Amino acid sequence: MPKKTSLARISITIPADLLKVADRLARQLDRSRSWVLGEAVRRMAQGSPPAGVREPLVNPYAEQAEELEAVRVRRLKADLAATPAERLRDAEEILQMARVVRPARNRAQVIAFDSYEDYYRWKTIHRAGA
């Protein structure tokens, strides 16, 4: 009996044109899209990139790595030198800027309770906090 392969579900983001290529290959080979992408990874791991891949396999930021590291260290030292109150103020400013860039979305929320007492306790706390 052949050994069963363990599978894992992932989510990836790739350019739309690459997805079209993967779908076309899957149809041509009568395989799933997952198989096509998995095979591409297998071939990359063996040192032979799949046909049609033209992306550089080197880090485009390698030349700036030392400079980026120096910037990170300076930022870390500046952050550590700040008082807790200053760090909190900075964090609140960043949060406000983030809300401007990406406003909060209205989301539906479903909450389940084991008993009415649990619901009542949650509602009391929720009203007090609001």
Protein backbone atom coordinates (compact mmCIF):
# COMPACT_ATOMS: atom_id res chain seq x y z
CA MET A 1 0.00 0.00 0.00
CA PRO A 2 1.52 3.40 -1.01
CA LYS A 3 2.37 5.88 1.72
CA LYS A 4 -0.32 8.55 2.10
CA THR A 5 0.93 12.13 1.78
CA SER A 6 -0.02 14.58 4.50
CA LEU A 7 -1.71 17.67 3.06
CA ALA A 8 -1.91 21.23 4.39
CA ARG A 9 -4.29 23.96 3.28
CA ILE A 10 -2.72 27.38 2.59
CA SER A 11 -3.77 30.69 1.13
CA ILE A 12 -1.49 32.55 -1.28
CA THR A 13 -1.62 35.73 -3.27
CA ILE A 14 -0.11 35.68 -6.74
CA PRO A 15 -0.44 37.97 -9.76
CA ALA A 16 -3.59 37.34 -11.79
CA ASP A 17 -1.61 36.53 -14.95
CA LEU A 18 0.34 33.80 -13.11
CA LEU A 19 -2.91 32.34 -11.84
CA LYS A 20 -4.19 32.18 -15.42
CA VAL A 21 -1.02 30.35 -16.42
CA ALA A 22 -1.46 27.88 -13.54
CA ASP A 23 -5.09 27.28 -14.51
CA ARG A 24 -4.18 26.79 -18.16
CA LEU A 25 -1.45 24.31 -17.23
CA ALA A 26 -3.83 22.47 -14.91
CA ARG A 27 -6.34 22.07 -17.76
CA GLN A 28 -3.66 20.98 -20.22
CA LEU A 29 -2.21 18.41 -17.81
CA ASP A 30 -5.60 17.34 -16.48
CA ARG A 31 -4.40 18.10 -12.95
CA SER A 32 -5.56 20.39 -10.16
CA ARG A 33 -4.27 23.90 -9.67
CA SER A 34 -2.80 22.75 -6.34
CA TRP A 35 -0.85 20.01 -8.10
CA VAL A 36 0.57 22.49 -10.62
CA LEU A 37 1.70 24.91 -7.91
CA GLY A 38 3.06 22.07 -5.78
CA GLU A 39 5.01 20.73 -8.74
CA ALA A 40 6.50 24.19 -9.31
CA VAL A 41 7.69 24.24 -5.69
CA ARG A 42 9.10 20.71 -6.03
CA ARG A 43 11.07 21.70 -9.11
CA MET A 44 12.34 24.88 -7.47
CA ALA A 45 13.51 22.82 -4.48
CA GLN A 46 15.40 20.53 -6.87
CA GLY A 47 17.14 23.52 -8.44
CA SER A 48 15.29 23.65 -11.75
CA PRO A 49 12.79 26.49 -11.99
CA PRO A 50 9.54 25.73 -13.81
CA ALA A 51 9.35 26.84 -17.43
CA GLY A 52 8.10 30.39 -17.82
CA VAL A 53 9.32 31.69 -14.45
CA ARG A 54 11.22 34.87 -15.07
CA GLU A 55 11.27 36.39 -11.59
CA PRO A 56 14.70 36.92 -10.05
CA LEU A 57 15.65 34.29 -7.50
CA VAL A 58 17.86 36.73 -5.57
CA ASN A 59 16.85 39.21 -2.91
CA PRO A 60 16.48 42.59 -4.68
CA TYR A 61 17.33 44.34 -1.41
CA ALA A 62 20.57 42.43 -0.73
CA GLU A 63 22.72 45.45 -1.60
CA GLN A 64 20.85 47.62 0.91
CA ALA A 65 20.74 44.97 3.67
CA GLU A 66 23.44 46.59 5.83
CA GLU A 67 21.89 50.03 5.44
CA LEU A 68 18.44 48.69 6.32
CA GLU A 69 19.85 46.91 9.35
CA ALA A 70 21.49 50.14 10.54
CA VAL A 71 18.18 52.00 10.16
CA ARG A 72 16.37 49.28 12.13
CA VAL A 73 18.94 49.42 14.94
CA ARG A 74 18.72 53.24 15.14
CA ARG A 75 14.90 53.03 15.27
CA LEU A 76 15.03 50.35 17.97
CA LYS A 77 17.44 52.38 20.13
CA ALA A 78 15.27 55.48 19.74
CA ASP A 79 12.17 53.51 20.71
CA LEU A 80 13.87 52.00 23.75
CA ALA A 81 15.10 55.44 24.86
CA ALA A 82 11.53 56.80 24.88
CA THR A 83 9.50 56.80 28.07
CA PRO A 84 6.46 54.51 28.32
CA ALA A 85 4.20 57.58 27.99
CA GLU A 86 5.99 58.63 24.78
CA ARG A 87 5.74 55.11 23.36
CA LEU A 88 2.03 55.03 24.16
CA ARG A 89 1.49 58.42 22.50
CA ASP A 90 3.40 57.25 19.41
CA ALA A 91 1.34 54.06 19.27
CA GLU A 92 -1.90 56.04 19.47
CA GLU A 93 -0.74 58.34 16.66
CA ILE A 94 0.11 55.34 14.49
CA LEU A 95 -3.32 53.84 15.23
CA GLN A 96 -5.02 57.09 14.19
CA MET A 97 -3.01 57.18 10.96
CA ALA A 98 -3.89 53.54 10.28
CA ARG A 99 -7.60 54.31 10.72
CA VAL A 100 -7.31 57.09 8.14
CA VAL A 101 -5.64 54.74 5.65
CA ARG A 102 -7.89 51.77 6.45
CA PRO A 103 -11.11 52.78 8.21
CA ALA A 104 -12.80 50.26 10.48
CA ARG A 105 -15.36 48.11 8.71
CA ASN A 106 -18.81 47.43 10.02
CA ARG A 107 -18.89 43.74 10.74
CA ALA A 108 -21.68 41.47 11.79
CA GLN A 109 -20.90 39.68 15.02
CA VAL A 110 -22.46 36.46 16.24
CA ILE A 111 -22.02 35.69 19.92
CA ALA A 112 -23.32 32.53 21.58
CA PHE A 113 -23.90 32.02 25.30
CA ASP A 114 -24.40 28.87 27.33
CA SER A 115 -27.01 30.45 29.57
CA TYR A 116 -29.08 33.57 30.01
CA GLU A 117 -26.92 34.48 33.01
CA ASP A 118 -23.82 34.46 30.78
CA TYR A 119 -25.60 36.71 28.29
CA TYR A 120 -26.77 39.07 31.03
CA ARG A 121 -23.27 39.28 32.51
CA TRP A 122 -21.82 40.02 29.04
CA LYS A 123 -24.48 42.62 28.31
CA THR A 124 -23.87 44.37 31.65
CA ILE A 125 -20.13 44.52 31.02
CA HIS A 126 -20.64 45.53 27.39
CA ARG A 127 -22.92 48.45 28.37
CA ALA A 128 -20.51 49.56 31.08
CA GLY A 129 -17.61 49.57 28.65
CA ALA A 130 -19.50 51.38 25.86
